[in-house]
Amino acid sequence: VSLNRECDIDKVVNSSLKADQKVFFWL
């Protein structure tokens, strides 16, 4: 986020959703 790397943001969030890391659901 600090680097405005939107594709990297998307990759991290998608990874967290696949792994059921619910801490990321609020992003």
mmCIF file of all heavy atoms, coordinates in Angstrom:
data_MODEL
# 
_entry.id   MODEL 
# 
loop_
_atom_site.group_PDB 
_atom_site.id 
_atom_site.type_symbol 
_atom_site.label_atom_id 
_atom_site.label_alt_id 
_atom_site.label_comp_id 
_atom_site.label_asym_id 
_atom_site.label_entity_id 
_atom_site.label_seq_id 
_atom_site.pdbx_PDB_ins_code 
_atom_site.Cartn_x 
_atom_site.Cartn_y 
_atom_site.Cartn_z 
_atom_site.occupancy 
_atom_site.B_iso_or_equiv 
_atom_site.pdbx_formal_charge 
_atom_site.auth_seq_id 
_atom_site.auth_comp_id 
_atom_site.auth_asym_id 
_atom_site.auth_atom_id 
_atom_site.pdbx_PDB_model_num 
ATOM 1   N N   . VAL A 1 1  ? 0.837   -1.208  0.000   1.00 0.00 ? 1  VAL A N   1 
ATOM 2   C CA  . VAL A 1 1  ? 0.000   0.000   0.000   1.00 0.00 ? 1  VAL A CA  1 
ATOM 3   C C   . VAL A 1 1  ? 0.870   1.254   0.000   1.00 0.00 ? 1  VAL A C   1 
ATOM 4   O O   . VAL A 1 1  ? 0.602   2.220   -0.725  1.00 0.00 ? 1  VAL A O   1 
ATOM 5   C CB  . VAL A 1 1  ? -0.941  0.008   1.223   1.00 0.00 ? 1  VAL A CB  1 
ATOM 6   C CG1 . VAL A 1 1  ? -1.623  1.360   1.379   1.00 0.00 ? 1  VAL A CG1 1 
ATOM 7   C CG2 . VAL A 1 1  ? -1.986  -1.089  1.078   1.00 0.00 ? 1  VAL A CG2 1 
ATOM 8   N N   . SER A 1 2  ? 1.931   1.262   0.802   1.00 0.00 ? 2  SER A N   1 
ATOM 9   C CA  . SER A 1 2  ? 2.797   2.443   0.894   1.00 0.00 ? 2  SER A CA  1 
ATOM 10  C C   . SER A 1 2  ? 3.477   2.746   -0.431  1.00 0.00 ? 2  SER A C   1 
ATOM 11  O O   . SER A 1 2  ? 3.832   3.897   -0.708  1.00 0.00 ? 2  SER A O   1 
ATOM 12  C CB  . SER A 1 2  ? 3.844   2.251   1.994   1.00 0.00 ? 2  SER A CB  1 
ATOM 13  O OG  . SER A 1 2  ? 4.820   1.290   1.615   1.00 0.00 ? 2  SER A OG  1 
ATOM 14  N N   . LEU A 1 3  ? 3.658   1.711   -1.264  1.00 0.00 ? 3  LEU A N   1 
ATOM 15  C CA  . LEU A 1 3  ? 4.310   1.880   -2.564  1.00 0.00 ? 3  LEU A CA  1 
ATOM 16  C C   . LEU A 1 3  ? 3.313   1.971   -3.717  1.00 0.00 ? 3  LEU A C   1 
ATOM 17  O O   . LEU A 1 3  ? 3.722   2.045   -4.879  1.00 0.00 ? 3  LEU A O   1 
ATOM 18  C CB  . LEU A 1 3  ? 5.266   0.712   -2.823  1.00 0.00 ? 3  LEU A CB  1 
ATOM 19  C CG  . LEU A 1 3  ? 6.464   0.583   -1.875  1.00 0.00 ? 3  LEU A CG  1 
ATOM 20  C CD1 . LEU A 1 3  ? 7.238   -0.693  -2.172  1.00 0.00 ? 3  LEU A CD1 1 
ATOM 21  C CD2 . LEU A 1 3  ? 7.378   1.791   -1.979  1.00 0.00 ? 3  LEU A CD2 1 
ATOM 22  N N   . ASN A 1 4  ? 2.015   1.961   -3.382  1.00 0.00 ? 4  ASN A N   1 
ATOM 23  C CA  . ASN A 1 4  ? 0.971   2.016   -4.410  1.00 0.00 ? 4  ASN A CA  1 
ATOM 24  C C   . ASN A 1 4  ? 1.086   0.875   -5.419  1.00 0.00 ? 4  ASN A C   1 
ATOM 25  O O   . ASN A 1 4  ? 0.826   1.042   -6.613  1.00 0.00 ? 4  ASN A O   1 
ATOM 26  C CB  . ASN A 1 4  ? 1.014   3.363   -5.160  1.00 0.00 ? 4  ASN A CB  1 
ATOM 27  C CG  . ASN A 1 4  ? 0.729   4.528   -4.257  1.00 0.00 ? 4  ASN A CG  1 
ATOM 28  O OD1 . ASN A 1 4  ? -0.197  4.498   -3.464  1.00 0.00 ? 4  ASN A OD1 1 
ATOM 29  N ND2 . ASN A 1 4  ? 1.529   5.575   -4.372  1.00 0.00 ? 4  ASN A ND2 1 
ATOM 30  N N   . ARG A 1 5  ? 1.453   -0.300  -4.940  1.00 0.00 ? 5  ARG A N   1 
ATOM 31  C CA  . ARG A 1 5  ? 1.630   -1.457  -5.810  1.00 0.00 ? 5  ARG A CA  1 
ATOM 32  C C   . ARG A 1 5  ? 0.328   -2.261  -5.815  1.00 0.00 ? 5  ARG A C   1 
ATOM 33  O O   . ARG A 1 5  ? 0.163   -3.240  -5.094  1.00 0.00 ? 5  ARG A O   1 
ATOM 34  C CB  . ARG A 1 5  ? 2.805   -2.309  -5.305  1.00 0.00 ? 5  ARG A CB  1 
ATOM 35  C CG  . ARG A 1 5  ? 4.116   -1.555  -5.178  1.00 0.00 ? 5  ARG A CG  1 
ATOM 36  C CD  . ARG A 1 5  ? 4.890   -1.509  -6.466  1.00 0.00 ? 5  ARG A CD  1 
ATOM 37  N NE  . ARG A 1 5  ? 5.648   -2.727  -6.610  1.00 0.00 ? 5  ARG A NE  1 
ATOM 38  C CZ  . ARG A 1 5  ? 6.931   -2.846  -6.231  1.00 0.00 ? 5  ARG A CZ  1 
ATOM 39  N NH1 . ARG A 1 5  ? 7.573   -1.822  -5.707  1.00 0.00 ? 5  ARG A NH1 1 
ATOM 40  N NH2 . ARG A 1 5  ? 7.551   -3.986  -6.403  1.00 0.00 ? 5  ARG A NH2 1 
ATOM 41  N N   . GLU A 1 6  ? -0.621  -1.830  -6.632  1.00 0.00 ? 6  GLU A N   1 
ATOM 42  C CA  . GLU A 1 6  ? -1.969  -2.386  -6.584  1.00 0.00 ? 6  GLU A CA  1 
ATOM 43  C C   . GLU A 1 6  ? -2.004  -3.877  -6.923  1.00 0.00 ? 6  GLU A C   1 
ATOM 44  O O   . GLU A 1 6  ? -2.767  -4.643  -6.327  1.00 0.00 ? 6  GLU A O   1 
ATOM 45  C CB  . GLU A 1 6  ? -2.886  -1.599  -7.514  1.00 0.00 ? 6  GLU A CB  1 
ATOM 46  C CG  . GLU A 1 6  ? -3.120  -0.161  -7.057  1.00 0.00 ? 6  GLU A CG  1 
ATOM 47  C CD  . GLU A 1 6  ? -4.139  0.556   -7.912  1.00 0.00 ? 6  GLU A CD  1 
ATOM 48  O OE1 . GLU A 1 6  ? -4.557  -0.018  -8.945  1.00 0.00 ? 6  GLU A OE1 1 
ATOM 49  O OE2 . GLU A 1 6  ? -4.519  1.679   -7.569  1.00 0.00 ? 6  GLU A OE2 1 
ATOM 50  N N   . CYS A 1 7  ? -1.189  -4.301  -7.878  1.00 0.00 ? 7  CYS A N   1 
ATOM 51  C CA  . CYS A 1 7  ? -1.191  -5.718  -8.235  1.00 0.00 ? 7  CYS A CA  1 
ATOM 52  C C   . CYS A 1 7  ? -0.633  -6.564  -7.104  1.00 0.00 ? 7  CYS A C   1 
ATOM 53  O O   . CYS A 1 7  ? -1.108  -7.686  -6.864  1.00 0.00 ? 7  CYS A O   1 
ATOM 54  C CB  . CYS A 1 7  ? -0.381  -5.942  -9.513  1.00 0.00 ? 7  CYS A CB  1 
ATOM 55  S SG  . CYS A 1 7  ? -1.189  -5.302  -10.994 1.00 0.00 ? 7  CYS A SG  1 
ATOM 56  N N   . ASP A 1 8  ? 0.360   -6.049  -6.396  1.00 0.00 ? 8  ASP A N   1 
ATOM 57  C CA  . ASP A 1 8  ? 0.894   -6.769  -5.242  1.00 0.00 ? 8  ASP A CA  1 
ATOM 58  C C   . ASP A 1 8  ? -0.136  -6.812  -4.117  1.00 0.00 ? 8  ASP A C   1 
ATOM 59  O O   . ASP A 1 8  ? -0.267  -7.825  -3.418  1.00 0.00 ? 8  ASP A O   1 
ATOM 60  C CB  . ASP A 1 8  ? 2.186   -6.106  -4.748  1.00 0.00 ? 8  ASP A CB  1 
ATOM 61  C CG  . ASP A 1 8  ? 3.344   -6.312  -5.715  1.00 0.00 ? 8  ASP A CG  1 
ATOM 62  O OD1 . ASP A 1 8  ? 3.284   -7.263  -6.517  1.00 0.00 ? 8  ASP A OD1 1 
ATOM 63  O OD2 . ASP A 1 8  ? 4.303   -5.532  -5.662  1.00 0.00 ? 8  ASP A OD2 1 
ATOM 64  N N   . ILE A 1 9  ? -0.864  -5.710  -3.940  1.00 0.00 ? 9  ILE A N   1 
ATOM 65  C CA  . ILE A 1 9  ? -1.946  -5.678  -2.941  1.00 0.00 ? 9  ILE A CA  1 
ATOM 66  C C   . ILE A 1 9  ? -2.958  -6.771  -3.255  1.00 0.00 ? 9  ILE A C   1 
ATOM 67  O O   . ILE A 1 9  ? -3.372  -7.546  -2.385  1.00 0.00 ? 9  ILE A O   1 
ATOM 68  C CB  . ILE A 1 9  ? -2.641  -4.295  -2.927  1.00 0.00 ? 9  ILE A CB  1 
ATOM 69  C CG1 . ILE A 1 9  ? -1.688  -3.216  -2.421  1.00 0.00 ? 9  ILE A CG1 1 
ATOM 70  C CG2 . ILE A 1 9  ? -3.902  -4.333  -2.058  1.00 0.00 ? 9  ILE A CG2 1 
ATOM 71  C CD1 . ILE A 1 9  ? -2.220  -1.807  -2.604  1.00 0.00 ? 9  ILE A CD1 1 
ATOM 72  N N   . ASP A 1 10 ? -3.357  -6.835  -4.522  1.00 0.00 ? 10 ASP A N   1 
ATOM 73  C CA  . ASP A 1 10 ? -4.353  -7.817  -4.941  1.00 0.00 ? 10 ASP A CA  1 
ATOM 74  C C   . ASP A 1 10 ? -3.858  -9.240  -4.711  1.00 0.00 ? 10 ASP A C   1 
ATOM 75  O O   . ASP A 1 10 ? -4.611  -10.112 -4.256  1.00 0.00 ? 10 ASP A O   1 
ATOM 76  C CB  . ASP A 1 10 ? -4.666  -7.601  -6.420  1.00 0.00 ? 10 ASP A CB  1 
ATOM 77  C CG  . ASP A 1 10 ? -5.829  -8.452  -6.897  1.00 0.00 ? 10 ASP A CG  1 
ATOM 78  O OD1 . ASP A 1 10 ? -6.943  -8.213  -6.429  1.00 0.00 ? 10 ASP A OD1 1 
ATOM 79  O OD2 . ASP A 1 10 ? -5.599  -9.354  -7.721  1.00 0.00 ? 10 ASP A OD2 1 
ATOM 80  N N   . LYS A 1 11 ? -2.593  -9.488  -4.996  1.00 0.00 ? 11 LYS A N   1 
ATOM 81  C CA  . LYS A 1 11 ? -2.036  -10.827 -4.819  1.00 0.00 ? 11 LYS A CA  1 
ATOM 82  C C   . LYS A 1 11 ? -2.035  -11.234 -3.349  1.00 0.00 ? 11 LYS A C   1 
ATOM 83  O O   . LYS A 1 11 ? -2.379  -12.372 -3.001  1.00 0.00 ? 11 LYS A O   1 
ATOM 84  C CB  . LYS A 1 11 ? -0.620  -10.886 -5.384  1.00 0.00 ? 11 LYS A CB  1 
ATOM 85  C CG  . LYS A 1 11 ? -0.022  -12.286 -5.392  1.00 0.00 ? 11 LYS A CG  1 
ATOM 86  C CD  . LYS A 1 11 ? 1.272   -12.327 -6.165  1.00 0.00 ? 11 LYS A CD  1 
ATOM 87  C CE  . LYS A 1 11 ? 1.790   -13.752 -6.276  1.00 0.00 ? 11 LYS A CE  1 
ATOM 88  N NZ  . LYS A 1 11 ? 3.040   -13.830 -7.074  1.00 0.00 ? 11 LYS A NZ  1 
ATOM 89  N N   . VAL A 1 12 ? -1.660  -10.297 -2.469  1.00 0.00 ? 12 VAL A N   1 
ATOM 90  C CA  . VAL A 1 12 ? -1.635  -10.599 -1.033  1.00 0.00 ? 12 VAL A CA  1 
ATOM 91  C C   . VAL A 1 12 ? -3.037  -10.886 -0.522  1.00 0.00 ? 12 VAL A C   1 
ATOM 92  O O   . VAL A 1 12 ? -3.273  -11.850 0.227   1.00 0.00 ? 12 VAL A O   1 
ATOM 93  C CB  . VAL A 1 12 ? -1.002  -9.435  -0.247  1.00 0.00 ? 12 VAL A CB  1 
ATOM 94  C CG1 . VAL A 1 12 ? -1.138  -9.664  1.257   1.00 0.00 ? 12 VAL A CG1 1 
ATOM 95  C CG2 . VAL A 1 12 ? 0.461   -9.278  -0.619  1.00 0.00 ? 12 VAL A CG2 1 
ATOM 96  N N   . VAL A 1 13 ? -3.994  -10.056 -0.920  1.00 0.00 ? 13 VAL A N   1 
ATOM 97  C CA  . VAL A 1 13 ? -5.367  -10.234 -0.451  1.00 0.00 ? 13 VAL A CA  1 
ATOM 98  C C   . VAL A 1 13 ? -5.959  -11.542 -0.961  1.00 0.00 ? 13 VAL A C   1 
ATOM 99  O O   . VAL A 1 13 ? -6.598  -12.295 -0.217  1.00 0.00 ? 13 VAL A O   1 
ATOM 100 C CB  . VAL A 1 13 ? -6.240  -9.037  -0.877  1.00 0.00 ? 13 VAL A CB  1 
ATOM 101 C CG1 . VAL A 1 13 ? -7.700  -9.297  -0.552  1.00 0.00 ? 13 VAL A CG1 1 
ATOM 102 C CG2 . VAL A 1 13 ? -5.765  -7.769  -0.178  1.00 0.00 ? 13 VAL A CG2 1 
ATOM 103 N N   . ASN A 1 14 ? -5.756  -11.833 -2.247  1.00 0.00 ? 14 ASN A N   1 
ATOM 104 C CA  . ASN A 1 14 ? -6.274  -13.077 -2.798  1.00 0.00 ? 14 ASN A CA  1 
ATOM 105 C C   . ASN A 1 14 ? -5.665  -14.291 -2.101  1.00 0.00 ? 14 ASN A C   1 
ATOM 106 O O   . ASN A 1 14 ? -6.348  -15.289 -1.844  1.00 0.00 ? 14 ASN A O   1 
ATOM 107 C CB  . ASN A 1 14 ? -5.994  -13.157 -4.299  1.00 0.00 ? 14 ASN A CB  1 
ATOM 108 C CG  . ASN A 1 14 ? -6.894  -12.250 -5.104  1.00 0.00 ? 14 ASN A CG  1 
ATOM 109 O OD1 . ASN A 1 14 ? -7.973  -11.876 -4.652  1.00 0.00 ? 14 ASN A OD1 1 
ATOM 110 N ND2 . ASN A 1 14 ? -6.450  -11.872 -6.296  1.00 0.00 ? 14 ASN A ND2 1 
ATOM 111 N N   . SER A 1 15 ? -4.376  -14.200 -1.786  1.00 0.00 ? 15 SER A N   1 
ATOM 112 C CA  . SER A 1 15 ? -3.723  -15.292 -1.076  1.00 0.00 ? 15 SER A CA  1 
ATOM 113 C C   . SER A 1 15 ? -4.335  -15.497 0.296   1.00 0.00 ? 15 SER A C   1 
ATOM 114 O O   . SER A 1 15 ? -4.573  -16.626 0.734   1.00 0.00 ? 15 SER A O   1 
ATOM 115 C CB  . SER A 1 15 ? -2.220  -15.018 -0.949  1.00 0.00 ? 15 SER A CB  1 
ATOM 116 O OG  . SER A 1 15 ? -1.581  -16.009 -0.184  1.00 0.00 ? 15 SER A OG  1 
ATOM 117 N N   . SER A 1 16 ? -4.614  -14.383 0.982   1.00 0.00 ? 16 SER A N   1 
ATOM 118 C CA  . SER A 1 16 ? -5.190  -14.485 2.323   1.00 0.00 ? 16 SER A CA  1 
ATOM 119 C C   . SER A 1 16 ? -6.596  -15.069 2.281   1.00 0.00 ? 16 SER A C   1 
ATOM 120 O O   . SER A 1 16 ? -7.004  -15.831 3.152   1.00 0.00 ? 16 SER A O   1 
ATOM 121 C CB  . SER A 1 16 ? -5.213  -13.107 2.994   1.00 0.00 ? 16 SER A CB  1 
ATOM 122 O OG  . SER A 1 16 ? -6.148  -12.247 2.363   1.00 0.00 ? 16 SER A OG  1 
ATOM 123 N N   . LEU A 1 17 ? -7.362  -14.728 1.240   1.00 0.00 ? 17 LEU A N   1 
ATOM 124 C CA  . LEU A 1 17 ? -8.719  -15.262 1.113   1.00 0.00 ? 17 LEU A CA  1 
ATOM 125 C C   . LEU A 1 17 ? -8.695  -16.765 0.825   1.00 0.00 ? 17 LEU A C   1 
ATOM 126 O O   . LEU A 1 17 ? -9.488  -17.525 1.378   1.00 0.00 ? 17 LEU A O   1 
ATOM 127 C CB  . LEU A 1 17 ? -9.459  -14.523 -0.003  1.00 0.00 ? 17 LEU A CB  1 
ATOM 128 C CG  . LEU A 1 17 ? -9.762  -13.040 0.254   1.00 0.00 ? 17 LEU A CG  1 
ATOM 129 C CD1 . LEU A 1 17 ? -10.375 -12.408 -0.980  1.00 0.00 ? 17 LEU A CD1 1 
ATOM 130 C CD2 . LEU A 1 17 ? -10.683 -12.883 1.453   1.00 0.00 ? 17 LEU A CD2 1 
ATOM 131 N N   . LYS A 1 18 ? -7.758  -17.182 -0.025  1.00 0.00 ? 18 LYS A N   1 
ATOM 132 C CA  . LYS A 1 18 ? -7.651  -18.602 -0.331  1.00 0.00 ? 18 LYS A CA  1 
ATOM 133 C C   . LYS A 1 18 ? -7.272  -19.406 0.914   1.00 0.00 ? 18 LYS A C   1 
ATOM 134 O O   . LYS A 1 18 ? -7.691  -20.537 1.092   1.00 0.00 ? 18 LYS A O   1 
ATOM 135 C CB  . LYS A 1 18 ? -6.601  -18.815 -1.423  1.00 0.00 ? 18 LYS A CB  1 
ATOM 136 C CG  . LYS A 1 18 ? -7.024  -18.316 -2.800  1.00 0.00 ? 18 LYS A CG  1 
ATOM 137 C CD  . LYS A 1 18 ? -5.909  -18.510 -3.805  1.00 0.00 ? 18 LYS A CD  1 
ATOM 138 C CE  . LYS A 1 18 ? -6.287  -17.946 -5.165  1.00 0.00 ? 18 LYS A CE  1 
ATOM 139 N NZ  . LYS A 1 18 ? -5.166  -18.092 -6.135  1.00 0.00 ? 18 LYS A NZ  1 
ATOM 140 N N   . ALA A 1 19 ? -6.437  -18.779 1.758   1.00 0.00 ? 19 ALA A N   1 
ATOM 141 C CA  . ALA A 1 19 ? -5.987  -19.475 2.960   1.00 0.00 ? 19 ALA A CA  1 
ATOM 142 C C   . ALA A 1 19 ? -6.950  -19.276 4.127   1.00 0.00 ? 19 ALA A C   1 
ATOM 143 O O   . ALA A 1 19 ? -6.672  -19.703 5.241   1.00 0.00 ? 19 ALA A O   1 
ATOM 144 C CB  . ALA A 1 19 ? -4.597  -18.973 3.348   1.00 0.00 ? 19 ALA A CB  1 
ATOM 145 N N   . ASP A 1 20 ? -8.082  -18.606 3.873   1.00 0.00 ? 20 ASP A N   1 
ATOM 146 C CA  . ASP A 1 20 ? -9.082  -18.343 4.905   1.00 0.00 ? 20 ASP A CA  1 
ATOM 147 C C   . ASP A 1 20 ? -8.500  -17.535 6.064   1.00 0.00 ? 20 ASP A C   1 
ATOM 148 O O   . ASP A 1 20 ? -8.812  -17.767 7.227   1.00 0.00 ? 20 ASP A O   1 
ATOM 149 C CB  . ASP A 1 20 ? -9.684  -19.650 5.427   1.00 0.00 ? 20 ASP A CB  1 
ATOM 150 C CG  . ASP A 1 20 ? -10.995 -19.391 6.192   1.00 0.00 ? 20 ASP A CG  1 
ATOM 151 O OD1 . ASP A 1 20 ? -11.658 -18.383 5.881   1.00 0.00 ? 20 ASP A OD1 1 
ATOM 152 O OD2 . ASP A 1 20 ? -11.329 -20.185 7.075   1.00 0.00 ? 20 ASP A OD2 1 
ATOM 153 N N   . GLN A 1 21 ? -7.624  -16.572 5.724   1.00 0.00 ? 21 GLN A N   1 
ATOM 154 C CA  . GLN A 1 21 ? -7.055  -15.685 6.733   1.00 0.00 ? 21 GLN A CA  1 
ATOM 155 C C   . GLN A 1 21 ? -8.031  -14.517 6.913   1.00 0.00 ? 21 GLN A C   1 
ATOM 156 O O   . GLN A 1 21 ? -7.902  -13.460 6.313   1.00 0.00 ? 21 GLN A O   1 
ATOM 157 C CB  . GLN A 1 21 ? -5.685  -15.161 6.261   1.00 0.00 ? 21 GLN A CB  1 
ATOM 158 C CG  . GLN A 1 21 ? -4.687  -16.268 5.996   1.00 0.00 ? 21 GLN A CG  1 
ATOM 159 C CD  . GLN A 1 21 ? -3.660  -16.360 7.105   1.00 0.00 ? 21 GLN A CD  1 
ATOM 160 O OE1 . GLN A 1 21 ? -3.876  -15.859 8.206   1.00 0.00 ? 21 GLN A OE1 1 
ATOM 161 N NE2 . GLN A 1 21 ? -2.550  -16.995 6.824   1.00 0.00 ? 21 GLN A NE2 1 
ATOM 162 N N   . LYS A 1 22 ? -8.995  -14.682 7.776   1.00 0.00 ? 22 LYS A N   1 
ATOM 163 C CA  . LYS A 1 22 ? -10.095 -13.728 7.885   1.00 0.00 ? 22 LYS A CA  1 
ATOM 164 C C   . LYS A 1 22 ? -9.672  -12.357 8.370   1.00 0.00 ? 22 LYS A C   1 
ATOM 165 O O   . LYS A 1 22 ? -10.434 -11.399 8.270   1.00 0.00 ? 22 LYS A O   1 
ATOM 166 C CB  . LYS A 1 22 ? -11.183 -14.298 8.794   1.00 0.00 ? 22 LYS A CB  1 
ATOM 167 C CG  . LYS A 1 22 ? -11.897 -15.515 8.201   1.00 0.00 ? 22 LYS A CG  1 
ATOM 168 C CD  . LYS A 1 22 ? -13.011 -15.991 9.088   1.00 0.00 ? 22 LYS A CD  1 
ATOM 169 C CE  . LYS A 1 22 ? -13.833 -17.079 8.400   1.00 0.00 ? 22 LYS A CE  1 
ATOM 170 N NZ  . LYS A 1 22 ? -13.052 -18.218 7.951   1.00 0.00 ? 22 LYS A NZ  1 
ATOM 171 N N   . VAL A 1 23 ? -8.470  -12.259 8.869   1.00 0.00 ? 23 VAL A N   1 
ATOM 172 C CA  . VAL A 1 23 ? -7.989  -10.950 9.295   1.00 0.00 ? 23 VAL A CA  1 
ATOM 173 C C   . VAL A 1 23 ? -7.963  -9.970  8.129   1.00 0.00 ? 23 VAL A C   1 
ATOM 174 O O   . VAL A 1 23 ? -7.998  -8.763  8.316   1.00 0.00 ? 23 VAL A O   1 
ATOM 175 C CB  . VAL A 1 23 ? -6.587  -11.071 9.925   1.00 0.00 ? 23 VAL A CB  1 
ATOM 176 C CG1 . VAL A 1 23 ? -5.548  -11.434 8.884   1.00 0.00 ? 23 VAL A CG1 1 
ATOM 177 C CG2 . VAL A 1 23 ? -6.183  -9.755  10.611  1.00 0.00 ? 23 VAL A CG2 1 
ATOM 178 N N   . PHE A 1 24 ? -7.955  -10.499 6.898   1.00 0.00 ? 24 PHE A N   1 
ATOM 179 C CA  . PHE A 1 24 ? -7.870  -9.627  5.734   1.00 0.00 ? 24 PHE A CA  1 
ATOM 180 C C   . PHE A 1 24 ? -9.224  -9.284  5.121   1.00 0.00 ? 24 PHE A C   1 
ATOM 181 O O   . PHE A 1 24 ? -9.293  -8.504  4.197   1.00 0.00 ? 24 PHE A O   1 
ATOM 182 C CB  . PHE A 1 24 ? -6.991  -10.282 4.663   1.00 0.00 ? 24 PHE A CB  1 
ATOM 183 C CG  . PHE A 1 24 ? -5.545  -9.940  4.810   1.00 0.00 ? 24 PHE A CG  1 
ATOM 184 C CD1 . PHE A 1 24 ? -4.693  -10.797 5.468   1.00 0.00 ? 24 PHE A CD1 1 
ATOM 185 C CD2 . PHE A 1 24 ? -5.037  -8.757  4.320   1.00 0.00 ? 24 PHE A CD2 1 
ATOM 186 C CE1 . PHE A 1 24 ? -3.358  -10.480 5.624   1.00 0.00 ? 24 PHE A CE1 1 
ATOM 187 C CE2 . PHE A 1 24 ? -3.710  -8.435  4.473   1.00 0.00 ? 24 PHE A CE2 1 
ATOM 188 C CZ  . PHE A 1 24 ? -2.869  -9.291  5.131   1.00 0.00 ? 24 PHE A CZ  1 
ATOM 189 N N   . PHE A 1 25 ? -10.296 -9.836  5.640   1.00 0.00 ? 25 PHE A N   1 
ATOM 190 C CA  . PHE A 1 25 ? -11.573 -9.633  5.002   1.00 0.00 ? 25 PHE A CA  1 
ATOM 191 C C   . PHE A 1 25 ? -12.032 -8.177  5.059   1.00 0.00 ? 25 PHE A C   1 
ATOM 192 O O   . PHE A 1 25 ? -12.892 -7.772  4.292   1.00 0.00 ? 25 PHE A O   1 
ATOM 193 C CB  . PHE A 1 25 ? -12.643 -10.527 5.660   1.00 0.00 ? 25 PHE A CB  1 
ATOM 194 C CG  . PHE A 1 25 ? -12.520 -11.968 5.237   1.00 0.00 ? 25 PHE A CG  1 
ATOM 195 C CD1 . PHE A 1 25 ? -11.393 -12.441 4.607   1.00 0.00 ? 25 PHE A CD1 1 
ATOM 196 C CD2 . PHE A 1 25 ? -13.552 -12.849 5.496   1.00 0.00 ? 25 PHE A CD2 1 
ATOM 197 C CE1 . PHE A 1 25 ? -11.271 -13.777 4.239   1.00 0.00 ? 25 PHE A CE1 1 
ATOM 198 C CE2 . PHE A 1 25 ? -13.444 -14.188 5.118   1.00 0.00 ? 25 PHE A CE2 1 
ATOM 199 C CZ  . PHE A 1 25 ? -12.301 -14.647 4.492   1.00 0.00 ? 25 PHE A CZ  1 
ATOM 200 N N   . TRP A 1 26 ? -11.485 -7.401  6.003   1.00 0.00 ? 26 TRP A N   1 
ATOM 201 C CA  . TRP A 1 26 ? -11.906 -6.006  6.136   1.00 0.00 ? 26 TRP A CA  1 
ATOM 202 C C   . TRP A 1 26 ? -11.178 -5.065  5.201   1.00 0.00 ? 26 TRP A C   1 
ATOM 203 O O   . TRP A 1 26 ? -11.522 -3.897  5.095   1.00 0.00 ? 26 TRP A O   1 
ATOM 204 C CB  . TRP A 1 26 ? -11.677 -5.531  7.578   1.00 0.00 ? 26 TRP A CB  1 
ATOM 205 C CG  . TRP A 1 26 ? -10.242 -5.664  8.002   1.00 0.00 ? 26 TRP A CG  1 
ATOM 206 C CD1 . TRP A 1 26 ? -9.648  -6.727  8.603   1.00 0.00 ? 26 TRP A CD1 1 
ATOM 207 C CD2 . TRP A 1 26 ? -9.203  -4.697  7.850   1.00 0.00 ? 26 TRP A CD2 1 
ATOM 208 N NE1 . TRP A 1 26 ? -8.324  -6.500  8.821   1.00 0.00 ? 26 TRP A NE1 1 
ATOM 209 C CE2 . TRP A 1 26 ? -8.012  -5.250  8.368   1.00 0.00 ? 26 TRP A CE2 1 
ATOM 210 C CE3 . TRP A 1 26 ? -9.162  -3.404  7.311   1.00 0.00 ? 26 TRP A CE3 1 
ATOM 211 C CZ2 . TRP A 1 26 ? -6.799  -4.573  8.374   1.00 0.00 ? 26 TRP A CZ2 1 
ATOM 212 C CZ3 . TRP A 1 26 ? -7.946  -2.715  7.308   1.00 0.00 ? 26 TRP A CZ3 1 
ATOM 213 C CH2 . TRP A 1 26 ? -6.786  -3.313  7.843   1.00 0.00 ? 26 TRP A CH2 1 
ATOM 214 N N   . LEU A 1 27 ? -10.184 -5.552  4.491   1.00 0.00 ? 27 LEU A N   1 
ATOM 215 C CA  . LEU A 1 27 ? -9.388  -4.667  3.641   1.00 0.00 ? 27 LEU A CA  1 
ATOM 216 C C   . LEU A 1 27 ? -10.258 -4.066  2.541   1.00 0.00 ? 27 LEU A C   1 
ATOM 217 O O   . LEU A 1 27 ? -11.100 -4.742  1.957   1.00 0.00 ? 27 LEU A O   1 
ATOM 218 C CB  . LEU A 1 27 ? -8.208  -5.430  3.045   1.00 0.00 ? 27 LEU A CB  1 
ATOM 219 C CG  . LEU A 1 27 ? -7.203  -5.952  4.059   1.00 0.00 ? 27 LEU A CG  1 
ATOM 220 C CD1 . LEU A 1 27 ? -6.121  -6.775  3.380   1.00 0.00 ? 27 LEU A CD1 1 
ATOM 221 C CD2 . LEU A 1 27 ? -6.563  -4.798  4.806   1.00 0.00 ? 27 LEU A CD2 1 
# 
